[in-house]
Amino acid sequence: MNSDRPRKGSQCLTHAIEFLNLPIEDRSVPSTGIGDFVTELAKEVESGKAVGFHCRAGPRSLLLEVDRACAAISDSRGCYVPDTREQKLWVKDFDATFGPMRRV
């Protein structure tokens, strides 16, 4: 767990930024609830709000195709992303499920 989370939440509150948290264990994949979380984020974007998110390792992008996003993140981190085979399979499945929302 990230001990920095309470500080980030309070900083967002100070600047009138809504802070949503979906904890994911390092080198793991999200558990249940990701569908509802992504649907809520999509509604925020559709309503004209800006949405950003990140993990402990740094920002991530929902707007690039999977292979381009992984390559960009790998280049910026200096190591291959995703970290594990399980993550790679999860990302591909996630894109197949939610990618069409992003490309509409």
N, C-alpha and C. Protein backbone atom coordinates (compact mmCIF):
# COMPACT_ATOMS: atom_id res chain seq x y z
N MET A 1 0.82 -1.19 0.00
CA MET A 1 0.00 0.00 0.00
C MET A 1 0.87 1.25 0.00
N ASN A 2 0.38 2.27 -0.64
CA ASN A 2 1.13 3.50 -0.77
C ASN A 2 0.84 4.43 0.40
N SER A 3 1.84 4.68 1.24
CA SER A 3 1.65 5.55 2.40
C SER A 3 1.46 7.00 2.01
N ASP A 4 1.68 7.33 0.74
CA ASP A 4 1.54 8.69 0.24
C ASP A 4 0.09 9.01 -0.12
N ARG A 5 -0.80 8.02 -0.15
CA ARG A 5 -2.17 8.20 -0.59
C ARG A 5 -2.93 9.26 0.23
N PRO A 6 -2.88 9.25 1.57
CA PRO A 6 -3.61 10.29 2.32
C PRO A 6 -3.15 11.70 1.96
N ARG A 7 -1.86 11.89 1.74
CA ARG A 7 -1.35 13.21 1.39
C ARG A 7 -1.88 13.64 0.02
N LYS A 8 -1.89 12.72 -0.93
CA LYS A 8 -2.39 13.04 -2.26
C LYS A 8 -3.87 13.40 -2.21
N GLY A 9 -4.63 12.64 -1.43
CA GLY A 9 -6.06 12.93 -1.30
C GLY A 9 -6.30 14.31 -0.70
N SER A 10 -5.54 14.67 0.32
CA SER A 10 -5.74 15.99 0.94
C SER A 10 -5.26 17.11 0.03
N GLN A 11 -4.20 16.86 -0.75
CA GLN A 11 -3.74 17.87 -1.71
C GLN A 11 -4.80 18.11 -2.78
N CYS A 12 -5.42 17.06 -3.24
CA CYS A 12 -6.49 17.20 -4.24
C CYS A 12 -7.64 18.00 -3.66
N LEU A 13 -8.04 17.68 -2.44
CA LEU A 13 -9.12 18.40 -1.79
C LEU A 13 -8.81 19.89 -1.68
N THR A 14 -7.58 20.21 -1.32
CA THR A 14 -7.15 21.60 -1.20
C THR A 14 -7.32 22.36 -2.52
N HIS A 15 -7.13 21.65 -3.63
CA HIS A 15 -7.20 22.28 -4.95
C HIS A 15 -8.50 21.97 -5.69
N ALA A 16 -9.51 21.52 -4.95
CA ALA A 16 -10.84 21.22 -5.51
C ALA A 16 -10.78 20.19 -6.64
N ILE A 17 -9.92 19.19 -6.46
CA ILE A 17 -9.80 18.09 -7.41
C ILE A 17 -10.38 16.85 -6.75
N GLU A 18 -11.28 16.18 -7.46
CA GLU A 18 -11.85 14.95 -6.92
C GLU A 18 -10.79 13.86 -6.98
N PHE A 19 -10.59 13.16 -5.88
CA PHE A 19 -9.59 12.11 -5.77
C PHE A 19 -10.28 10.77 -5.63
N LEU A 20 -10.12 9.92 -6.63
CA LEU A 20 -10.67 8.57 -6.59
C LEU A 20 -9.51 7.59 -6.44
N ASN A 21 -9.70 6.57 -5.66
CA ASN A 21 -8.62 5.65 -5.37
C ASN A 21 -9.04 4.22 -5.68
N LEU A 22 -8.23 3.53 -6.46
CA LEU A 22 -8.43 2.11 -6.75
C LEU A 22 -7.10 1.42 -6.52
N PRO A 23 -6.84 0.98 -5.28
CA PRO A 23 -5.54 0.39 -4.97
C PRO A 23 -5.31 -0.92 -5.71
N ILE A 24 -4.11 -1.05 -6.25
CA ILE A 24 -3.68 -2.27 -6.94
C ILE A 24 -2.30 -2.62 -6.41
N GLU A 25 -2.15 -3.82 -5.93
CA GLU A 25 -0.85 -4.25 -5.39
C GLU A 25 0.21 -4.22 -6.50
N ASP A 26 1.40 -3.78 -6.16
CA ASP A 26 2.50 -3.73 -7.13
C ASP A 26 2.69 -5.07 -7.81
N ARG A 27 2.97 -5.02 -9.12
CA ARG A 27 3.23 -6.18 -9.96
C ARG A 27 2.04 -7.13 -10.01
N SER A 28 0.86 -6.58 -9.78
CA SER A 28 -0.38 -7.34 -9.78
C SER A 28 -1.31 -6.74 -10.83
N VAL A 29 -2.55 -7.19 -10.84
CA VAL A 29 -3.58 -6.63 -11.71
C VAL A 29 -4.76 -6.23 -10.84
N PRO A 30 -5.61 -5.33 -11.34
CA PRO A 30 -6.78 -4.93 -10.54
C PRO A 30 -7.69 -6.12 -10.26
N SER A 31 -8.33 -6.08 -9.11
CA SER A 31 -9.31 -7.11 -8.78
C SER A 31 -10.67 -6.63 -9.27
N THR A 32 -11.70 -7.11 -8.68
CA THR A 32 -13.05 -6.72 -9.08
C THR A 32 -13.26 -5.22 -8.89
N GLY A 33 -14.21 -4.68 -9.61
CA GLY A 33 -14.54 -3.27 -9.47
C GLY A 33 -13.97 -2.38 -10.55
N ILE A 34 -13.07 -2.89 -11.38
CA ILE A 34 -12.45 -2.06 -12.41
C ILE A 34 -13.47 -1.60 -13.44
N GLY A 35 -14.44 -2.44 -13.77
CA GLY A 35 -15.46 -2.06 -14.75
C GLY A 35 -16.25 -0.86 -14.30
N ASP A 36 -16.71 -0.88 -13.06
CA ASP A 36 -17.46 0.25 -12.52
C ASP A 36 -16.59 1.50 -12.45
N PHE A 37 -15.35 1.32 -12.07
CA PHE A 37 -14.42 2.45 -11.94
C PHE A 37 -14.20 3.11 -13.31
N VAL A 38 -13.95 2.30 -14.34
CA VAL A 38 -13.72 2.83 -15.68
C VAL A 38 -14.98 3.48 -16.24
N THR A 39 -16.12 2.88 -15.99
CA THR A 39 -17.39 3.46 -16.45
C THR A 39 -17.60 4.84 -15.82
N GLU A 40 -17.29 4.96 -14.54
CA GLU A 40 -17.42 6.26 -13.87
C GLU A 40 -16.45 7.29 -14.46
N LEU A 41 -15.21 6.87 -14.73
CA LEU A 41 -14.25 7.78 -15.35
C LEU A 41 -14.73 8.21 -16.74
N ALA A 42 -15.28 7.28 -17.51
CA ALA A 42 -15.79 7.60 -18.85
C ALA A 42 -16.92 8.63 -18.77
N LYS A 43 -17.79 8.49 -17.78
CA LYS A 43 -18.88 9.47 -17.60
C LYS A 43 -18.32 10.85 -17.29
N GLU A 44 -17.26 10.90 -16.48
CA GLU A 44 -16.64 12.18 -16.15
C GLU A 44 -16.07 12.84 -17.40
N VAL A 45 -15.40 12.06 -18.24
CA VAL A 45 -14.83 12.59 -19.48
C VAL A 45 -15.95 13.07 -20.41
N GLU A 46 -16.99 12.26 -20.55
CA GLU A 46 -18.11 12.62 -21.42
C GLU A 46 -18.79 13.90 -20.96
N SER A 47 -18.77 14.18 -19.66
CA SER A 47 -19.39 15.40 -19.13
C SER A 47 -18.48 16.62 -19.28
N GLY A 48 -17.28 16.40 -19.86
CA GLY A 48 -16.36 17.51 -20.10
C GLY A 48 -15.29 17.71 -19.06
N LYS A 49 -15.24 16.85 -18.06
CA LYS A 49 -14.21 16.97 -17.03
C LYS A 49 -12.90 16.36 -17.52
N ALA A 50 -11.80 16.89 -17.06
CA ALA A 50 -10.49 16.31 -17.33
C ALA A 50 -10.24 15.21 -16.31
N VAL A 51 -9.67 14.12 -16.76
CA VAL A 51 -9.40 12.99 -15.87
C VAL A 51 -7.94 12.59 -16.05
N GLY A 52 -7.23 12.45 -14.96
CA GLY A 52 -5.87 11.96 -14.99
C GLY A 52 -5.73 10.89 -13.93
N PHE A 53 -4.78 10.01 -14.12
CA PHE A 53 -4.54 8.99 -13.10
C PHE A 53 -3.09 8.55 -13.17
N HIS A 54 -2.66 7.91 -12.09
CA HIS A 54 -1.27 7.44 -12.07
C HIS A 54 -1.14 6.31 -11.07
N CYS A 55 -0.03 5.65 -11.17
CA CYS A 55 0.32 4.65 -10.16
C CYS A 55 1.59 5.15 -9.47
N ARG A 56 2.05 4.42 -8.53
CA ARG A 56 3.25 4.83 -7.79
C ARG A 56 4.43 5.04 -8.73
N ALA A 57 4.48 4.26 -9.81
CA ALA A 57 5.60 4.36 -10.74
C ALA A 57 5.49 5.54 -11.69
N GLY A 58 4.33 6.16 -11.79
CA GLY A 58 4.19 7.31 -12.66
C GLY A 58 2.89 7.33 -13.43
N PRO A 59 2.69 8.38 -14.24
CA PRO A 59 1.43 8.52 -14.96
C PRO A 59 1.24 7.44 -16.01
N ARG A 60 0.00 7.18 -16.31
CA ARG A 60 -0.37 6.22 -17.34
C ARG A 60 -1.35 6.89 -18.29
N SER A 61 -1.53 6.31 -19.46
CA SER A 61 -2.41 6.90 -20.46
C SER A 61 -3.53 5.96 -20.85
N LEU A 62 -4.75 6.50 -20.95
CA LEU A 62 -5.89 5.75 -21.45
C LEU A 62 -6.13 6.04 -22.92
N LEU A 63 -5.40 6.96 -23.50
CA LEU A 63 -5.73 7.44 -24.83
C LEU A 63 -4.90 6.83 -25.94
N LEU A 64 -3.88 6.09 -25.63
CA LEU A 64 -3.05 5.46 -26.66
C LEU A 64 -3.46 4.02 -26.86
N GLU A 65 -3.18 3.48 -28.04
CA GLU A 65 -3.37 2.06 -28.27
C GLU A 65 -2.43 1.31 -27.32
N VAL A 66 -2.79 0.10 -26.96
CA VAL A 66 -2.05 -0.67 -25.95
C VAL A 66 -0.56 -0.75 -26.25
N ASP A 67 -0.20 -1.18 -27.44
CA ASP A 67 1.22 -1.35 -27.74
C ASP A 67 1.97 -0.02 -27.71
N ARG A 68 1.35 1.05 -28.21
CA ARG A 68 1.99 2.38 -28.17
C ARG A 68 2.13 2.88 -26.74
N ALA A 69 1.10 2.67 -25.93
CA ALA A 69 1.15 3.11 -24.53
C ALA A 69 2.25 2.35 -23.78
N CYS A 70 2.31 1.03 -23.97
CA CYS A 70 3.34 0.23 -23.30
C CYS A 70 4.74 0.65 -23.75
N ALA A 71 4.91 0.91 -25.04
CA ALA A 71 6.21 1.35 -25.54
C ALA A 71 6.60 2.71 -24.96
N ALA A 72 5.66 3.64 -24.89
CA ALA A 72 5.95 4.97 -24.35
C ALA A 72 6.32 4.89 -22.86
N ILE A 73 5.58 4.09 -22.12
CA ILE A 73 5.86 3.94 -20.70
C ILE A 73 7.19 3.22 -20.50
N SER A 74 7.45 2.18 -21.30
CA SER A 74 8.73 1.46 -21.22
C SER A 74 9.90 2.39 -21.48
N ASP A 75 9.77 3.23 -22.52
CA ASP A 75 10.83 4.19 -22.84
C ASP A 75 11.07 5.15 -21.68
N SER A 76 9.98 5.65 -21.09
CA SER A 76 10.15 6.64 -20.02
C SER A 76 10.70 6.02 -18.74
N ARG A 77 10.38 4.77 -18.47
CA ARG A 77 10.85 4.09 -17.25
C ARG A 77 12.19 3.42 -17.43
N GLY A 78 12.56 3.15 -18.68
CA GLY A 78 13.82 2.47 -18.92
C GLY A 78 13.76 0.97 -18.65
N CYS A 79 12.56 0.42 -18.60
CA CYS A 79 12.38 -1.02 -18.44
C CYS A 79 11.06 -1.42 -19.10
N TYR A 80 10.93 -2.69 -19.43
CA TYR A 80 9.76 -3.15 -20.15
C TYR A 80 8.50 -3.08 -19.29
N VAL A 81 7.43 -2.59 -19.87
CA VAL A 81 6.12 -2.51 -19.23
C VAL A 81 5.12 -3.16 -20.18
N PRO A 82 4.22 -4.00 -19.69
CA PRO A 82 3.94 -4.36 -18.30
C PRO A 82 5.01 -5.26 -17.70
N ASP A 83 5.04 -5.28 -16.37
CA ASP A 83 6.09 -6.00 -15.64
C ASP A 83 5.96 -7.52 -15.74
N THR A 84 4.74 -8.03 -15.76
CA THR A 84 4.54 -9.47 -15.69
C THR A 84 3.67 -9.96 -16.84
N ARG A 85 3.72 -11.26 -17.09
CA ARG A 85 2.86 -11.87 -18.13
C ARG A 85 1.40 -11.67 -17.76
N GLU A 86 1.06 -11.82 -16.48
CA GLU A 86 -0.31 -11.63 -16.02
C GLU A 86 -0.80 -10.21 -16.33
N GLN A 87 0.06 -9.21 -16.13
CA GLN A 87 -0.32 -7.83 -16.44
C GLN A 87 -0.54 -7.65 -17.94
N LYS A 88 0.34 -8.24 -18.75
CA LYS A 88 0.21 -8.11 -20.20
C LYS A 88 -1.13 -8.68 -20.68
N LEU A 89 -1.47 -9.86 -20.18
CA LEU A 89 -2.75 -10.47 -20.54
C LEU A 89 -3.92 -9.62 -20.06
N TRP A 90 -3.81 -9.07 -18.85
CA TRP A 90 -4.87 -8.24 -18.30
C TRP A 90 -5.06 -6.98 -19.15
N VAL A 91 -3.96 -6.34 -19.55
CA VAL A 91 -4.05 -5.12 -20.35
C VAL A 91 -4.73 -5.41 -21.69
N LYS A 92 -4.36 -6.51 -22.33
CA LYS A 92 -4.97 -6.87 -23.62
C LYS A 92 -6.47 -7.13 -23.43
N ASP A 93 -6.85 -7.83 -22.37
CA ASP A 93 -8.26 -8.10 -22.10
C ASP A 93 -9.01 -6.81 -21.79
N PHE A 94 -8.39 -5.96 -20.99
CA PHE A 94 -8.98 -4.67 -20.65
C PHE A 94 -9.24 -3.85 -21.91
N ASP A 95 -8.26 -3.81 -22.80
CA ASP A 95 -8.42 -3.04 -24.03
C ASP A 95 -9.54 -3.61 -24.89
N ALA A 96 -9.64 -4.93 -24.95
CA ALA A 96 -10.71 -5.54 -25.73
C ALA A 96 -12.09 -5.19 -25.17
N THR A 97 -12.17 -5.06 -23.85
CA THR A 97 -13.43 -4.75 -23.20
C THR A 97 -13.73 -3.25 -23.21
N PHE A 98 -12.78 -2.44 -22.83
CA PHE A 98 -13.03 -1.01 -22.64
C PHE A 98 -12.45 -0.11 -23.73
N GLY A 99 -11.57 -0.65 -24.57
CA GLY A 99 -10.98 0.15 -25.64
C GLY A 99 -12.01 0.81 -26.54
N PRO A 100 -13.08 0.10 -26.92
CA PRO A 100 -14.09 0.76 -27.77
C PRO A 100 -14.70 2.01 -27.14
N MET A 101 -14.81 2.06 -25.81
CA MET A 101 -15.32 3.27 -25.14
C MET A 101 -14.40 4.44 -25.43
N ARG A 102 -13.12 4.17 -25.42
CA ARG A 102 -12.09 5.20 -25.59
C ARG A 102 -12.05 5.72 -27.00
N ARG A 103 -12.36 4.88 -27.96
CA ARG A 103 -12.20 5.25 -29.36
C ARG A 103 -13.47 5.78 -30.01
N VAL A 104 -14.53 5.96 -29.23
CA VAL A 104 -15.80 6.44 -29.79
C VAL A 104 -15.71 7.93 -30.06
